[in-house]
Amino acid sequence: MKSCNADATAKAMKGDKRKAFMKDCLSSKPVVAMQSQQNKMETCNADPKAKILKGDERKAFMKSCLSSK
């Protein structure tokens, strides 16, 4: 919301245009959550433990790693 607000202010939007912009901007933000999940995957995959583990042990480690961050 903070970045959407800043963008609307920078574009000097007011009234209905601002409301429409904010609605569109806020509805498109789940992409950030996806990027965060991708960052978690990269971090967990980079962990030295992940390089050693295989099969079910690796799955358990990745599940634990992804849920803890």
PDB file of N, CA and C in Angstrom:
ATOM      1  N   MET A   1       0.829  -1.190   0.000  1.00  0.00           N
ATOM      2  CA  MET A   1       0.000   0.000   0.000  1.00  0.00           C
ATOM      3  C   MET A   1       0.868   1.246   0.000  1.00  0.00           C
ATOM      4  N   LYS A   2       1.974   1.161   0.714  1.00  0.00           N
ATOM      5  CA  LYS A   2       2.859   2.309   0.814  1.00  0.00           C
ATOM      6  C   LYS A   2       3.412   2.705  -0.557  1.00  0.00           C
ATOM      7  N   SER A   3       3.839   1.720  -1.333  1.00  0.00           N
ATOM      8  CA  SER A   3       4.407   2.041  -2.646  1.00  0.00           C
ATOM      9  C   SER A   3       3.320   2.515  -3.608  1.00  0.00           C
ATOM     10  N   CYS A   4       2.125   1.954  -3.514  1.00  0.00           N
ATOM     11  CA  CYS A   4       1.014   2.408  -4.365  1.00  0.00           C
ATOM     12  C   CYS A   4       0.659   3.853  -4.045  1.00  0.00           C
ATOM     13  N   ASN A   5       0.613   4.182  -2.753  1.00  0.00           N
ATOM     14  CA  ASN A   5       0.324   5.541  -2.324  1.00  0.00           C
ATOM     15  C   ASN A   5       1.376   6.511  -2.843  1.00  0.00           C
ATOM     16  N   ALA A   6       2.636   6.123  -2.743  1.00  0.00           N
ATOM     17  CA  ALA A   6       3.720   6.975  -3.210  1.00  0.00           C
ATOM     18  C   ALA A   6       3.631   7.201  -4.714  1.00  0.00           C
ATOM     19  N   ASP A   7       3.297   6.145  -5.453  1.00  0.00           N
ATOM     20  CA  ASP A   7       3.158   6.285  -6.908  1.00  0.00           C
ATOM     21  C   ASP A   7       2.019   7.225  -7.270  1.00  0.00           C
ATOM     22  N   ALA A   8       0.889   7.082  -6.584  1.00  0.00           N
ATOM     23  CA  ALA A   8      -0.267   7.941  -6.858  1.00  0.00           C
ATOM     24  C   ALA A   8       0.049   9.391  -6.522  1.00  0.00           C
ATOM     25  N   THR A   9       0.761   9.615  -5.441  1.00  0.00           N
ATOM     26  CA  THR A   9       1.147  10.969  -5.051  1.00  0.00           C
ATOM     27  C   THR A   9       2.122  11.558  -6.064  1.00  0.00           C
ATOM     28  N   ALA A  10       3.082  10.755  -6.502  1.00  0.00           N
ATOM     29  CA  ALA A  10       4.060  11.225  -7.482  1.00  0.00           C
ATOM     30  C   ALA A  10       3.394  11.601  -8.801  1.00  0.00           C
ATOM     31  N   LYS A  11       2.309  10.917  -9.122  1.00  0.00           N
ATOM     32  CA  LYS A  11       1.585  11.206 -10.369  1.00  0.00           C
ATOM     33  C   LYS A  11       0.508  12.270 -10.158  1.00  0.00           C
ATOM     34  N   ALA A  12       0.451  12.826  -8.954  1.00  0.00           N
ATOM     35  CA  ALA A  12      -0.504  13.875  -8.584  1.00  0.00           C
ATOM     36  C   ALA A  12      -1.945  13.473  -8.883  1.00  0.00           C
ATOM     37  N   MET A  13      -2.286  12.239  -8.578  1.00  0.00           N
ATOM     38  CA  MET A  13      -3.645  11.755  -8.817  1.00  0.00           C
ATOM     39  C   MET A  13      -4.554  12.138  -7.672  1.00  0.00           C
ATOM     40  N   LYS A  14      -5.793  12.450  -8.012  1.00  0.00           N
ATOM     41  CA  LYS A  14      -6.793  12.819  -7.010  1.00  0.00           C
ATOM     42  C   LYS A  14      -8.143  12.260  -7.410  1.00  0.00           C
ATOM     43  N   GLY A  15      -9.017  12.138  -6.415  1.00  0.00           N
ATOM     44  CA  GLY A  15     -10.395  11.735  -6.660  1.00  0.00           C
ATOM     45  C   GLY A  15     -10.540  10.335  -7.237  1.00  0.00           C
ATOM     46  N   ASP A  16     -11.433  10.227  -8.235  1.00  0.00           N
ATOM     47  CA  ASP A  16     -11.754   8.928  -8.819  1.00  0.00           C
ATOM     48  C   ASP A  16     -10.560   8.293  -9.523  1.00  0.00           C
ATOM     49  N   LYS A  17      -9.721   9.116 -10.150  1.00  0.00           N
ATOM     50  CA  LYS A  17      -8.537   8.568 -10.820  1.00  0.00           C
ATOM     51  C   LYS A  17      -7.618   7.904  -9.794  1.00  0.00           C
ATOM     52  N   ARG A  18      -7.439   8.554  -8.651  1.00  0.00           N
ATOM     53  CA  ARG A  18      -6.593   7.994  -7.601  1.00  0.00           C
ATOM     54  C   ARG A  18      -7.188   6.697  -7.050  1.00  0.00           C
ATOM     55  N   LYS A  19      -8.507   6.694  -6.828  1.00  0.00           N
ATOM     56  CA  LYS A  19      -9.173   5.490  -6.329  1.00  0.00           C
ATOM     57  C   LYS A  19      -8.992   4.324  -7.300  1.00  0.00           C
ATOM     58  N   ALA A  20      -9.177   4.590  -8.591  1.00  0.00           N
ATOM     59  CA  ALA A  20      -9.029   3.542  -9.600  1.00  0.00           C
ATOM     60  C   ALA A  20      -7.581   3.050  -9.658  1.00  0.00           C
ATOM     61  N   PHE A  21      -6.654   3.986  -9.592  1.00  0.00           N
ATOM     62  CA  PHE A  21      -5.245   3.622  -9.621  1.00  0.00           C
ATOM     63  C   PHE A  21      -4.891   2.765  -8.398  1.00  0.00           C
ATOM     64  N   MET A  22      -5.331   3.184  -7.225  1.00  0.00           N
ATOM     65  CA  MET A  22      -5.037   2.442  -6.002  1.00  0.00           C
ATOM     66  C   MET A  22      -5.636   1.030  -6.055  1.00  0.00           C
ATOM     67  N   LYS A  23      -6.858   0.917  -6.571  1.00  0.00           N
ATOM     68  CA  LYS A  23      -7.493  -0.389  -6.677  1.00  0.00           C
ATOM     69  C   LYS A  23      -6.667  -1.310  -7.576  1.00  0.00           C
ATOM     70  N   ASP A  24      -6.263  -0.808  -8.726  1.00  0.00           N
ATOM     71  CA  ASP A  24      -5.446  -1.610  -9.652  1.00  0.00           C
ATOM     72  C   ASP A  24      -4.091  -1.942  -9.053  1.00  0.00           C
ATOM     73  N   CYS A  25      -3.473  -0.954  -8.451  1.00  0.00           N
ATOM     74  CA  CYS A  25      -2.144  -1.141  -7.878  1.00  0.00           C
ATOM     75  C   CYS A  25      -2.174  -2.176  -6.762  1.00  0.00           C
ATOM     76  N   LEU A  26      -3.122  -2.059  -5.870  1.00  0.00           N
ATOM     77  CA  LEU A  26      -3.201  -2.977  -4.739  1.00  0.00           C
ATOM     78  C   LEU A  26      -3.589  -4.394  -5.163  1.00  0.00           C
ATOM     79  N   SER A  27      -4.363  -4.519  -6.200  1.00  0.00           N
ATOM     80  CA  SER A  27      -4.753  -5.852  -6.650  1.00  0.00           C
ATOM     81  C   SER A  27      -3.606  -6.571  -7.354  1.00  0.00           C
ATOM     82  N   SER A  28      -2.612  -5.830  -7.789  1.00  0.00           N
ATOM     83  CA  SER A  28      -1.478  -6.454  -8.479  1.00  0.00           C
ATOM     84  C   SER A  28      -0.325  -6.780  -7.540  1.00  0.00           C
ATOM     85  N   LYS A  29      -0.441  -6.500  -6.263  1.00  0.00           N
ATOM     86  CA  LYS A  29       0.656  -6.693  -5.323  1.00  0.00           C
ATOM     87  C   LYS A  29       0.954  -8.136  -4.915  1.00  0.00           C
ATOM     88  N   PRO A  30       0.074  -9.115  -5.102  1.00  0.00           N
ATOM     89  CA  PRO A  30       0.457 -10.479  -4.729  1.00  0.00           C
ATOM     90  C   PRO A  30       1.719 -10.978  -5.436  1.00  0.00           C
ATOM     91  N   VAL A  31       2.115 -10.338  -6.493  1.00  0.00           N
ATOM     92  CA  VAL A  31       3.352 -10.693  -7.180  1.00  0.00           C
ATOM     93  C   VAL A  31       4.531 -10.559  -6.228  1.00  0.00           C
ATOM     94  N   VAL A  32       4.470  -9.588  -5.334  1.00  0.00           N
ATOM     95  CA  VAL A  32       5.539  -9.391  -4.356  1.00  0.00           C
ATOM     96  C   VAL A  32       5.669 -10.619  -3.469  1.00  0.00           C
ATOM     97  N   ALA A  33       4.550 -11.179  -3.060  1.00  0.00           N
ATOM     98  CA  ALA A  33       4.586 -12.384  -2.245  1.00  0.00           C
ATOM     99  C   ALA A  33       5.219 -13.531  -2.999  1.00  0.00           C
ATOM    100  N   MET A  34       4.936 -13.625  -4.287  1.00  0.00           N
ATOM    101  CA  MET A  34       5.534 -14.676  -5.095  1.00  0.00           C
ATOM    102  C   MET A  34       7.038 -14.485  -5.178  1.00  0.00           C
ATOM    103  N   GLN A  35       7.494 -13.258  -5.347  1.00  0.00           N
ATOM    104  CA  GLN A  35       8.922 -13.001  -5.402  1.00  0.00           C
ATOM    105  C   GLN A  35       9.569 -13.360  -4.072  1.00  0.00           C
ATOM    106  N   SER A  36       8.870 -13.082  -3.001  1.00  0.00           N
ATOM    107  CA  SER A  36       9.389 -13.429  -1.688  1.00  0.00           C
ATOM    108  C   SER A  36       9.555 -14.936  -1.573  1.00  0.00           C
ATOM    109  N   GLN A  37       8.578 -15.685  -2.057  1.00  0.00           N
ATOM    110  CA  GLN A  37       8.656 -17.140  -2.036  1.00  0.00           C
ATOM    111  C   GLN A  37       9.827 -17.621  -2.889  1.00  0.00           C
ATOM    112  N   GLN A  38      10.050 -16.979  -4.025  1.00  0.00           N
ATOM    113  CA  GLN A  38      11.181 -17.346  -4.878  1.00  0.00           C
ATOM    114  C   GLN A  38      12.495 -17.065  -4.165  1.00  0.00           C
ATOM    115  N   ASN A  39      12.556 -15.967  -3.444  1.00  0.00           N
ATOM    116  CA  ASN A  39      13.763 -15.659  -2.673  1.00  0.00           C
ATOM    117  C   ASN A  39      14.009 -16.718  -1.611  1.00  0.00           C
ATOM    118  N   LYS A  40      12.947 -17.166  -0.964  1.00  0.00           N
ATOM    119  CA  LYS A  40      13.084 -18.218   0.040  1.00  0.00           C
ATOM    120  C   LYS A  40      13.630 -19.489  -0.598  1.00  0.00           C
ATOM    121  N   MET A  41      13.088 -19.835  -1.771  1.00  0.00           N
ATOM    122  CA  MET A  41      13.550 -21.038  -2.472  1.00  0.00           C
ATOM    123  C   MET A  41      15.040 -20.938  -2.783  1.00  0.00           C
ATOM    124  N   GLU A  42      15.460 -19.774  -3.282  1.00  0.00           N
ATOM    125  CA  GLU A  42      16.872 -19.580  -3.612  1.00  0.00           C
ATOM    126  C   GLU A  42      17.742 -19.703  -2.365  1.00  0.00           C
ATOM    127  N   THR A  43      17.298 -19.102  -1.274  1.00  0.00           N
ATOM    128  CA  THR A  43      18.057 -19.150  -0.030  1.00  0.00           C
ATOM    129  C   THR A  43      18.159 -20.577   0.502  1.00  0.00           C
ATOM    130  N   CYS A  44      17.037 -21.280   0.505  1.00  0.00           N
ATOM    131  CA  CYS A  44      17.047 -22.655   1.016  1.00  0.00           C
ATOM    132  C   CYS A  44      17.874 -23.569   0.113  1.00  0.00           C
ATOM    133  N   ASN A  45      17.784 -23.383  -1.186  1.00  0.00           N
ATOM    134  CA  ASN A  45      18.573 -24.195  -2.111  1.00  0.00           C
ATOM    135  C   ASN A  45      20.064 -23.906  -1.985  1.00  0.00           C
ATOM    136  N   ALA A  46      20.410 -22.690  -1.603  1.00  0.00           N
ATOM    137  CA  ALA A  46      21.811 -22.316  -1.478  1.00  0.00           C
ATOM    138  C   ALA A  46      22.427 -22.835  -0.176  1.00  0.00           C
ATOM    139  N   ASP A  47      21.586 -23.223   0.764  1.00  0.00           N
ATOM    140  CA  ASP A  47      22.074 -23.734   2.047  1.00  0.00           C
ATOM    141  C   ASP A  47      22.925 -24.985   1.815  1.00  0.00           C
ATOM    142  N   PRO A  48      24.095 -25.043   2.414  1.00  0.00           N
ATOM    143  CA  PRO A  48      24.975 -26.213   2.222  1.00  0.00           C
ATOM    144  C   PRO A  48      24.308 -27.536   2.583  1.00  0.00           C
ATOM    145  N   LYS A  49      23.410 -27.523   3.573  1.00  0.00           N
ATOM    146  CA  LYS A  49      22.706 -28.749   3.947  1.00  0.00           C
ATOM    147  C   LYS A  49      21.897 -29.289   2.765  1.00  0.00           C
ATOM    148  N   ALA A  50      21.279 -28.377   2.012  1.00  0.00           N
ATOM    149  CA  ALA A  50      20.439 -28.788   0.890  1.00  0.00           C
ATOM    150  C   ALA A  50      21.268 -29.481  -0.181  1.00  0.00           C
ATOM    151  N   LYS A  51      22.518 -29.112  -0.306  1.00  0.00           N
ATOM    152  CA  LYS A  51      23.389 -29.704  -1.321  1.00  0.00           C
ATOM    153  C   LYS A  51      23.713 -31.161  -0.985  1.00  0.00           C
ATOM    154  N   ILE A  52      23.738 -31.492   0.296  1.00  0.00           N
ATOM    155  CA  ILE A  52      24.115 -32.833   0.739  1.00  0.00           C
ATOM    156  C   ILE A  52      22.918 -33.779   0.736  1.00  0.00           C
ATOM    157  N   LEU A  53      21.759 -33.275   1.125  1.00  0.00           N
ATOM    158  CA  LEU A  53      20.581 -34.115   1.297  1.00  0.00           C
ATOM    159  C   LEU A  53      19.973 -34.549  -0.036  1.00  0.00           C
ATOM    160  N   LYS A  54      19.339 -35.709  -0.005  1.00  0.00           N
ATOM    161  CA  LYS A  54      18.669 -36.226  -1.192  1.00  0.00           C
ATOM    162  C   LYS A  54      17.355 -36.876  -0.783  1.00  0.00           C
ATOM    163  N   GLY A  55      16.441 -36.959  -1.728  1.00  0.00           N
ATOM    164  CA  GLY A  55      15.176 -37.658  -1.513  1.00  0.00           C
ATOM    165  C   GLY A  55      14.312 -37.060  -0.422  1.00  0.00           C
ATOM    166  N   ASP A  56      13.786 -37.944   0.422  1.00  0.00           N
ATOM    167  CA  ASP A  56      12.858 -37.522   1.475  1.00  0.00           C
ATOM    168  C   ASP A  56      13.515 -36.587   2.482  1.00  0.00           C
ATOM    169  N   GLU A  57      14.800 -36.793   2.760  1.00  0.00           N
ATOM    170  CA  GLU A  57      15.504 -35.900   3.698  1.00  0.00           C
ATOM    171  C   GLU A  57      15.547 -34.482   3.137  1.00  0.00           C
ATOM    172  N   ARG A  58      15.807 -34.363   1.845  1.00  0.00           N
ATOM    173  CA  ARG A  58      15.852 -33.046   1.217  1.00  0.00           C
ATOM    174  C   ARG A  58      14.469 -32.390   1.244  1.00  0.00           C
ATOM    175  N   LYS A  59      13.436 -33.167   0.929  1.00  0.00           N
ATOM    176  CA  LYS A  59      12.070 -32.635   0.951  1.00  0.00           C
ATOM    177  C   LYS A  59      11.720 -32.107   2.339  1.00  0.00           C
ATOM    178  N   ALA A  60      12.064 -32.877   3.368  1.00  0.00           N
ATOM    179  CA  ALA A  60      11.774 -32.462   4.740  1.00  0.00           C
ATOM    180  C   ALA A  60      12.550 -31.191   5.098  1.00  0.00           C
ATOM    181  N   PHE A  61      13.810 -31.135   4.678  1.00  0.00           N
ATOM    182  CA  PHE A  61      14.617 -29.942   4.954  1.00  0.00           C
ATOM    183  C   PHE A  61      14.036 -28.716   4.246  1.00  0.00           C
ATOM    184  N   MET A  62      13.674 -28.870   2.978  1.00  0.00           N
ATOM    185  CA  MET A  62      13.139 -27.735   2.228  1.00  0.00           C
ATOM    186  C   MET A  62      11.815 -27.260   2.827  1.00  0.00           C
ATOM    187  N   LYS A  63      10.963 -28.201   3.235  1.00  0.00           N
ATOM    188  CA  LYS A  63       9.692 -27.838   3.852  1.00  0.00           C
ATOM    189  C   LYS A  63       9.943 -27.033   5.124  1.00  0.00           C
ATOM    190  N   SER A  64      10.859 -27.507   5.930  1.00  0.00           N
ATOM    191  CA  SER A  64      11.181 -26.811   7.169  1.00  0.00           C
ATOM    192  C   SER A  64      11.791 -25.441   6.895  1.00  0.00           C
ATOM    193  N   CYS A  65      12.703 -25.384   5.953  1.00  0.00           N
ATOM    194  CA  CYS A  65      13.388 -24.135   5.620  1.00  0.00           C
ATOM    195  C   CYS A  65      12.407 -23.097   5.095  1.00  0.00           C
ATOM    196  N   LEU A  66      11.545 -23.502   4.178  1.00  0.00           N
ATOM    197  CA  LEU A  66      10.588 -22.563   3.568  1.00  0.00           C
ATOM    198  C   LEU A  66       9.546 -22.070   4.556  1.00  0.00           C
ATOM    199  N   SER A  67       9.156 -22.906   5.496  1.00  0.00           N
ATOM    200  CA  SER A  67       8.112 -22.485   6.431  1.00  0.00           C
ATOM    201  C   SER A  67       8.674 -21.643   7.571  1.00  0.00           C
ATOM    202  N   SER A  68       9.967 -21.706   7.811  1.00  0.00           N
ATOM    203  CA  SER A  68      10.542 -20.986   8.945  1.00  0.00           C
ATOM    204  C   SER A  68      10.987 -19.574   8.618  1.00  0.00           C
ATOM    205  N   LYS A  69      10.996 -19.200   7.372  1.00  0.00           N
ATOM    206  CA  LYS A  69      11.534 -17.883   7.023  1.00  0.00           C
ATOM    207  C   LYS A  69      10.460 -16.908   6.682  1.00  0.00           C
TER     208      LYS A  69
END
